[in-house]
Amino acid sequence: MIGIVDRIEDGKIAVIKIRGGGELLIPVKNLPLKVYEGACLDICMSLDRKEETKQRKKIKDLQEDLLKRNAKK
């Protein structure tokens, strides 16, 4: 996926227009390189199964906690 840095807002958020439609808003601090308006980026994404498992457990634990709280009422 190719993206073009359209602008950087307040020096903090990169607004990246995706070729073919859409846009991404990414904190500049999260980008692995120094970007500037007009920069073309090759954007690659991949699934992180390990992080997904952690998030699912966190959500499940929160849901169980909420159910326990409601059961006590």
PDB file of N, CA and C in Angstrom:
ATOM      1  N   MET A   1       0.860  -1.158   0.000  1.00  0.00           N
ATOM      2  CA  MET A   1       0.000   0.000   0.000  1.00  0.00           C
ATOM      3  C   MET A   1       0.914   1.230   0.000  1.00  0.00           C
ATOM      4  N   ILE A   2       0.607   2.169  -0.843  1.00  0.00           N
ATOM      5  CA  ILE A   2       1.396   3.396  -0.944  1.00  0.00           C
ATOM      6  C   ILE A   2       0.604   4.542  -0.320  1.00  0.00           C
ATOM      7  N   GLY A   3       1.283   5.322   0.516  1.00  0.00           N
ATOM      8  CA  GLY A   3       0.672   6.485   1.144  1.00  0.00           C
ATOM      9  C   GLY A   3       1.557   7.703   0.936  1.00  0.00           C
ATOM     10  N   ILE A   4       0.926   8.845   0.871  1.00  0.00           N
ATOM     11  CA  ILE A   4       1.650  10.102   0.699  1.00  0.00           C
ATOM     12  C   ILE A   4       1.312  10.993   1.891  1.00  0.00           C
ATOM     13  N   VAL A   5       2.355  11.500   2.550  1.00  0.00           N
ATOM     14  CA  VAL A   5       2.132  12.383   3.690  1.00  0.00           C
ATOM     15  C   VAL A   5       1.532  13.683   3.164  1.00  0.00           C
ATOM     16  N   ASP A   6       0.264  13.888   3.471  1.00  0.00           N
ATOM     17  CA  ASP A   6      -0.454  15.079   3.023  1.00  0.00           C
ATOM     18  C   ASP A   6      -0.055  16.287   3.859  1.00  0.00           C
ATOM     19  N   ARG A   7      -0.006  16.072   5.169  1.00  0.00           N
ATOM     20  CA  ARG A   7       0.366  17.160   6.076  1.00  0.00           C
ATOM     21  C   ARG A   7       0.722  16.575   7.437  1.00  0.00           C
ATOM     22  N   ILE A   8       1.362  17.409   8.232  1.00  0.00           N
ATOM     23  CA  ILE A   8       1.657  17.040   9.614  1.00  0.00           C
ATOM     24  C   ILE A   8       1.017  18.114  10.479  1.00  0.00           C
ATOM     25  N   GLU A   9       0.075  17.692  11.323  1.00  0.00           N
ATOM     26  CA  GLU A   9      -0.685  18.628  12.135  1.00  0.00           C
ATOM     27  C   GLU A   9      -0.019  18.835  13.490  1.00  0.00           C
ATOM     28  N   ASP A  10       0.251  20.080  13.818  1.00  0.00           N
ATOM     29  CA  ASP A  10       0.861  20.464  15.099  1.00  0.00           C
ATOM     30  C   ASP A  10       2.159  19.730  15.384  1.00  0.00           C
ATOM     31  N   GLY A  11       2.837  19.258  14.347  1.00  0.00           N
ATOM     32  CA  GLY A  11       4.086  18.534  14.529  1.00  0.00           C
ATOM     33  C   GLY A  11       3.911  17.186  15.190  1.00  0.00           C
ATOM     34  N   LYS A  12       2.654  16.744  15.344  1.00  0.00           N
ATOM     35  CA  LYS A  12       2.390  15.510  16.095  1.00  0.00           C
ATOM     36  C   LYS A  12       1.715  14.404  15.291  1.00  0.00           C
ATOM     37  N   ILE A  13       0.815  14.776  14.384  1.00  0.00           N
ATOM     38  CA  ILE A  13       0.020  13.787  13.653  1.00  0.00           C
ATOM     39  C   ILE A  13       0.311  13.880  12.161  1.00  0.00           C
ATOM     40  N   ALA A  14       0.717  12.751  11.578  1.00  0.00           N
ATOM     41  CA  ALA A  14       0.920  12.681  10.134  1.00  0.00           C
ATOM     42  C   ALA A  14      -0.394  12.230   9.498  1.00  0.00           C
ATOM     43  N   VAL A  15      -0.885  13.032   8.577  1.00  0.00           N
ATOM     44  CA  VAL A  15      -2.083  12.678   7.813  1.00  0.00           C
ATOM     45  C   VAL A  15      -1.590  12.105   6.495  1.00  0.00           C
ATOM     46  N   ILE A  16      -1.832  10.807   6.319  1.00  0.00           N
ATOM     47  CA  ILE A  16      -1.306  10.085   5.167  1.00  0.00           C
ATOM     48  C   ILE A  16      -2.460   9.681   4.263  1.00  0.00           C
ATOM     49  N   LYS A  17      -2.449  10.186   3.042  1.00  0.00           N
ATOM     50  CA  LYS A  17      -3.459   9.830   2.044  1.00  0.00           C
ATOM     51  C   LYS A  17      -3.036   8.529   1.377  1.00  0.00           C
ATOM     52  N   ILE A  18      -3.945   7.572   1.335  1.00  0.00           N
ATOM     53  CA  ILE A  18      -3.658   6.275   0.736  1.00  0.00           C
ATOM     54  C   ILE A  18      -4.010   6.321  -0.744  1.00  0.00           C
ATOM     55  N   ARG A  19      -3.071   5.884  -1.555  1.00  0.00           N
ATOM     56  CA  ARG A  19      -3.330   5.830  -2.992  1.00  0.00           C
ATOM     57  C   ARG A  19      -4.478   4.858  -3.223  1.00  0.00           C
ATOM     58  N   GLY A  20      -5.507   5.298  -3.902  1.00  0.00           N
ATOM     59  CA  GLY A  20      -6.685   4.474  -4.140  1.00  0.00           C
ATOM     60  C   GLY A  20      -7.830   4.825  -3.204  1.00  0.00           C
ATOM     61  N   GLY A  21      -7.574   5.697  -2.225  1.00  0.00           N
ATOM     62  CA  GLY A  21      -8.641   6.142  -1.331  1.00  0.00           C
ATOM     63  C   GLY A  21      -8.355   5.874   0.129  1.00  0.00           C
ATOM     64  N   GLY A  22      -8.815   6.770   0.950  1.00  0.00           N
ATOM     65  CA  GLY A  22      -8.677   6.649   2.391  1.00  0.00           C
ATOM     66  C   GLY A  22      -7.499   7.434   2.923  1.00  0.00           C
ATOM     67  N   GLU A  23      -7.443   7.498   4.245  1.00  0.00           N
ATOM     68  CA  GLU A  23      -6.317   8.167   4.868  1.00  0.00           C
ATOM     69  C   GLU A  23      -6.038   7.549   6.227  1.00  0.00           C
ATOM     70  N   LEU A  24      -4.820   7.724   6.681  1.00  0.00           N
ATOM     71  CA  LEU A  24      -4.391   7.265   7.992  1.00  0.00           C
ATOM     72  C   LEU A  24      -3.937   8.468   8.796  1.00  0.00           C
ATOM     73  N   LEU A  25      -4.242   8.464  10.073  1.00  0.00           N
ATOM     74  CA  LEU A  25      -3.733   9.470  11.001  1.00  0.00           C
ATOM     75  C   LEU A  25      -2.810   8.729  11.958  1.00  0.00           C
ATOM     76  N   ILE A  26      -1.540   9.040  11.906  1.00  0.00           N
ATOM     77  CA  ILE A  26      -0.560   8.320  12.712  1.00  0.00           C
ATOM     78  C   ILE A  26       0.288   9.326  13.483  1.00  0.00           C
ATOM     79  N   PRO A  27       0.430   9.105  14.808  1.00  0.00           N
ATOM     80  CA  PRO A  27       1.332   9.979  15.561  1.00  0.00           C
ATOM     81  C   PRO A  27       2.738   9.903  14.977  1.00  0.00           C
ATOM     82  N   VAL A  28       3.339  11.057  14.754  1.00  0.00           N
ATOM     83  CA  VAL A  28       4.676  11.126  14.165  1.00  0.00           C
ATOM     84  C   VAL A  28       5.667  10.303  14.990  1.00  0.00           C
ATOM     85  N   LYS A  29       5.508  10.325  16.319  1.00  0.00           N
ATOM     86  CA  LYS A  29       6.433   9.585  17.184  1.00  0.00           C
ATOM     87  C   LYS A  29       6.370   8.074  16.952  1.00  0.00           C
ATOM     88  N   ASN A  30       5.283   7.584  16.358  1.00  0.00           N
ATOM     89  CA  ASN A  30       5.147   6.147  16.100  1.00  0.00           C
ATOM     90  C   ASN A  30       5.705   5.725  14.749  1.00  0.00           C
ATOM     91  N   LEU A  31       6.112   6.682  13.942  1.00  0.00           N
ATOM     92  CA  LEU A  31       6.677   6.352  12.633  1.00  0.00           C
ATOM     93  C   LEU A  31       8.167   6.048  12.789  1.00  0.00           C
ATOM     94  N   PRO A  32       8.660   5.051  12.073  1.00  0.00           N
ATOM     95  CA  PRO A  32      10.050   4.627  12.242  1.00  0.00           C
ATOM     96  C   PRO A  32      11.079   5.539  11.581  1.00  0.00           C
ATOM     97  N   LEU A  33      10.618   6.571  10.902  1.00  0.00           N
ATOM     98  CA  LEU A  33      11.546   7.462  10.217  1.00  0.00           C
ATOM     99  C   LEU A  33      11.001   8.871  10.230  1.00  0.00           C
ATOM    100  N   LYS A  34      11.860   9.830   9.920  1.00  0.00           N
ATOM    101  CA  LYS A  34      11.416  11.224   9.876  1.00  0.00           C
ATOM    102  C   LYS A  34      10.633  11.435   8.584  1.00  0.00           C
ATOM    103  N   VAL A  35       9.395  11.861   8.728  1.00  0.00           N
ATOM    104  CA  VAL A  35       8.550  12.091   7.561  1.00  0.00           C
ATOM    105  C   VAL A  35       8.339  13.579   7.359  1.00  0.00           C
ATOM    106  N   TYR A  36       7.919  13.934   6.188  1.00  0.00           N
ATOM    107  CA  TYR A  36       7.685  15.320   5.819  1.00  0.00           C
ATOM    108  C   TYR A  36       6.563  15.345   4.789  1.00  0.00           C
ATOM    109  N   GLU A  37       5.953  16.495   4.632  1.00  0.00           N
ATOM    110  CA  GLU A  37       4.868  16.625   3.660  1.00  0.00           C
ATOM    111  C   GLU A  37       5.361  16.271   2.272  1.00  0.00           C
ATOM    112  N   GLY A  38       4.613  15.414   1.601  1.00  0.00           N
ATOM    113  CA  GLY A  38       4.981  14.977   0.254  1.00  0.00           C
ATOM    114  C   GLY A  38       5.765  13.682   0.224  1.00  0.00           C
ATOM    115  N   ALA A  39       6.185  13.195   1.392  1.00  0.00           N
ATOM    116  CA  ALA A  39       6.938  11.935   1.434  1.00  0.00           C
ATOM    117  C   ALA A  39       6.032  10.780   1.009  1.00  0.00           C
ATOM    118  N   CYS A  40       6.565   9.882   0.192  1.00  0.00           N
ATOM    119  CA  CYS A  40       5.838   8.684  -0.226  1.00  0.00           C
ATOM    120  C   CYS A  40       6.282   7.523   0.652  1.00  0.00           C
ATOM    121  N   LEU A  41       5.301   6.818   1.179  1.00  0.00           N
ATOM    122  CA  LEU A  41       5.591   5.723   2.095  1.00  0.00           C
ATOM    123  C   LEU A  41       5.049   4.412   1.557  1.00  0.00           C
ATOM    124  N   ASP A  42       5.831   3.372   1.686  1.00  0.00           N
ATOM    125  CA  ASP A  42       5.368   2.009   1.411  1.00  0.00           C
ATOM    126  C   ASP A  42       4.883   1.479   2.750  1.00  0.00           C
ATOM    127  N   ILE A  43       3.581   1.292   2.883  1.00  0.00           N
ATOM    128  CA  ILE A  43       2.984   0.909   4.158  1.00  0.00           C
ATOM    129  C   ILE A  43       2.671  -0.587   4.133  1.00  0.00           C
ATOM    130  N   CYS A  44       3.262  -1.292   5.058  1.00  0.00           N
ATOM    131  CA  CYS A  44       3.041  -2.737   5.170  1.00  0.00           C
ATOM    132  C   CYS A  44       2.454  -3.032   6.545  1.00  0.00           C
ATOM    133  N   MET A  45       1.501  -3.930   6.584  1.00  0.00           N
ATOM    134  CA  MET A  45       0.899  -4.337   7.851  1.00  0.00           C
ATOM    135  C   MET A  45       0.949  -5.850   7.946  1.00  0.00           C
ATOM    136  N   SER A  46       1.055  -6.315   9.178  1.00  0.00           N
ATOM    137  CA  SER A  46       1.018  -7.752   9.392  1.00  0.00           C
ATOM    138  C   SER A  46       0.301  -8.037  10.704  1.00  0.00           C
ATOM    139  N   LEU A  47      -0.246  -9.215  10.813  1.00  0.00           N
ATOM    140  CA  LEU A  47      -0.926  -9.613  12.037  1.00  0.00           C
ATOM    141  C   LEU A  47       0.106  -9.957  13.103  1.00  0.00           C
ATOM    142  N   ASP A  48      -0.192  -9.562  14.327  1.00  0.00           N
ATOM    143  CA  ASP A  48       0.651  -9.895  15.466  1.00  0.00           C
ATOM    144  C   ASP A  48      -0.174 -10.797  16.377  1.00  0.00           C
ATOM    145  N   ARG A  49      -0.070 -12.086  16.153  1.00  0.00           N
ATOM    146  CA  ARG A  49      -0.892 -13.061  16.888  1.00  0.00           C
ATOM    147  C   ARG A  49      -0.612 -13.029  18.394  1.00  0.00           C
ATOM    148  N   LYS A  50       0.626 -12.821  18.758  1.00  0.00           N
ATOM    149  CA  LYS A  50       0.990 -12.777  20.178  1.00  0.00           C
ATOM    150  C   LYS A  50       0.283 -11.608  20.874  1.00  0.00           C
ATOM    151  N   GLU A  51       0.332 -10.440  20.259  1.00  0.00           N
ATOM    152  CA  GLU A  51      -0.339  -9.262  20.823  1.00  0.00           C
ATOM    153  C   GLU A  51      -1.852  -9.446  20.807  1.00  0.00           C
ATOM    154  N   GLU A  52      -2.368 -10.074  19.762  1.00  0.00           N
ATOM    155  CA  GLU A  52      -3.807 -10.332  19.680  1.00  0.00           C
ATOM    156  C   GLU A  52      -4.258 -11.217  20.834  1.00  0.00           C
ATOM    157  N   THR A  53      -3.486 -12.248  21.136  1.00  0.00           N
ATOM    158  CA  THR A  53      -3.808 -13.144  22.244  1.00  0.00           C
ATOM    159  C   THR A  53      -3.833 -12.378  23.562  1.00  0.00           C
ATOM    160  N   LYS A  54      -2.857 -11.489  23.765  1.00  0.00           N
ATOM    161  CA  LYS A  54      -2.816 -10.671  24.981  1.00  0.00           C
ATOM    162  C   LYS A  54      -4.057  -9.792  25.090  1.00  0.00           C
ATOM    163  N   GLN A  55      -4.431  -9.157  23.980  1.00  0.00           N
ATOM    164  CA  GLN A  55      -5.587  -8.272  23.991  1.00  0.00           C
ATOM    165  C   GLN A  55      -6.877  -9.042  24.259  1.00  0.00           C
ATOM    166  N   ARG A  56      -7.008 -10.211  23.658  1.00  0.00           N
ATOM    167  CA  ARG A  56      -8.207 -11.025  23.887  1.00  0.00           C
ATOM    168  C   ARG A  56      -8.324 -11.433  25.354  1.00  0.00           C
ATOM    169  N   LYS A  57      -7.194 -11.785  25.978  1.00  0.00           N
ATOM    170  CA  LYS A  57      -7.198 -12.156  27.392  1.00  0.00           C
ATOM    171  C   LYS A  57      -7.568 -10.960  28.254  1.00  0.00           C
ATOM    172  N   LYS A  58      -7.023  -9.813  27.922  1.00  0.00           N
ATOM    173  CA  LYS A  58      -7.325  -8.588  28.668  1.00  0.00           C
ATOM    174  C   LYS A  58      -8.821  -8.274  28.600  1.00  0.00           C
ATOM    175  N   ILE A  59      -9.395  -8.388  27.423  1.00  0.00           N
ATOM    176  CA  ILE A  59     -10.824  -8.121  27.244  1.00  0.00           C
ATOM    177  C   ILE A  59     -11.654  -9.135  28.019  1.00  0.00           C
ATOM    178  N   LYS A  60     -11.286 -10.398  27.928  1.00  0.00           N
ATOM    179  CA  LYS A  60     -12.013 -11.450  28.643  1.00  0.00           C
ATOM    180  C   LYS A  60     -11.962 -11.205  30.146  1.00  0.00           C
ATOM    181  N   ASP A  61     -10.791 -10.849  30.667  1.00  0.00           N
ATOM    182  CA  ASP A  61     -10.649 -10.578  32.097  1.00  0.00           C
ATOM    183  C   ASP A  61     -11.512  -9.393  32.522  1.00  0.00           C
ATOM    184  N   LEU A  62     -11.558  -8.349  31.706  1.00  0.00           N
ATOM    185  CA  LEU A  62     -12.398  -7.189  32.012  1.00  0.00           C
ATOM    186  C   LEU A  62     -13.884  -7.565  32.002  1.00  0.00           C
ATOM    187  N   GLN A  63     -14.281  -8.377  31.036  1.00  0.00           N
ATOM    188  CA  GLN A  63     -15.676  -8.809  30.964  1.00  0.00           C
ATOM    189  C   GLN A  63     -16.048  -9.634  32.198  1.00  0.00           C
ATOM    190  N   GLU A  64     -15.166 -10.538  32.596  1.00  0.00           N
ATOM    191  CA  GLU A  64     -15.430 -11.358  33.780  1.00  0.00           C
ATOM    192  C   GLU A  64     -15.513 -10.500  35.032  1.00  0.00           C
ATOM    193  N   ASP A  65     -14.659  -9.498  35.134  1.00  0.00           N
ATOM    194  CA  ASP A  65     -14.690  -8.592  36.276  1.00  0.00           C
ATOM    195  C   ASP A  65     -16.014  -7.838  36.331  1.00  0.00           C
ATOM    196  N   LEU A  66     -16.474  -7.358  35.172  1.00  0.00           N
ATOM    197  CA  LEU A  66     -17.757  -6.654  35.127  1.00  0.00           C
ATOM    198  C   LEU A  66     -18.922  -7.571  35.514  1.00  0.00           C
ATOM    199  N   LEU A  67     -18.899  -8.810  35.051  1.00  0.00           N
ATOM    200  CA  LEU A  67     -19.940  -9.758  35.408  1.00  0.00           C
ATOM    201  C   LEU A  67     -19.950 -10.030  36.902  1.00  0.00           C
ATOM    202  N   LYS A  68     -18.783 -10.143  37.502  1.00  0.00           N
ATOM    203  CA  LYS A  68     -18.681 -10.362  38.948  1.00  0.00           C
ATOM    204  C   LYS A  68     -19.240  -9.164  39.709  1.00  0.00           C
ATOM    205  N   ARG A  69     -18.935  -7.965  39.238  1.00  0.00           N
ATOM    206  CA  ARG A  69     -19.439  -6.743  39.901  1.00  0.00           C
ATOM    207  C   ARG A  69     -20.952  -6.682  39.832  1.00  0.00           C
ATOM    208  N   ASN A  70     -21.513  -7.045  38.677  1.00  0.00           N
ATOM    209  CA  ASN A  70     -22.967  -7.016  38.513  1.00  0.00           C
ATOM    210  C   ASN A  70     -23.645  -8.088  39.355  1.00  0.00           C
ATOM    211  N   ALA A  71     -22.981  -9.219  39.537  1.00  0.00           N
ATOM    212  CA  ALA A  71     -23.554 -10.316  40.326  1.00  0.00           C
ATOM    213  C   ALA A  71     -23.643  -9.941  41.807  1.00  0.00           C
ATOM    214  N   LYS A  72     -22.742  -9.079  42.267  1.00  0.00           N
ATOM    215  CA  LYS A  72     -22.732  -8.668  43.667  1.00  0.00           C
ATOM    216  C   LYS A  72     -23.844  -7.686  44.001  1.00  0.00           C
ATOM    217  N   LYS A  73     -24.393  -7.025  42.988  1.00  0.00           N
ATOM    218  CA  LYS A  73     -25.442  -6.008  43.240  1.00  0.00           C
ATOM    219  C   LYS A  73     -26.771  -6.601  43.551  1.00  0.00           C
TER     220      LYS A  73
END
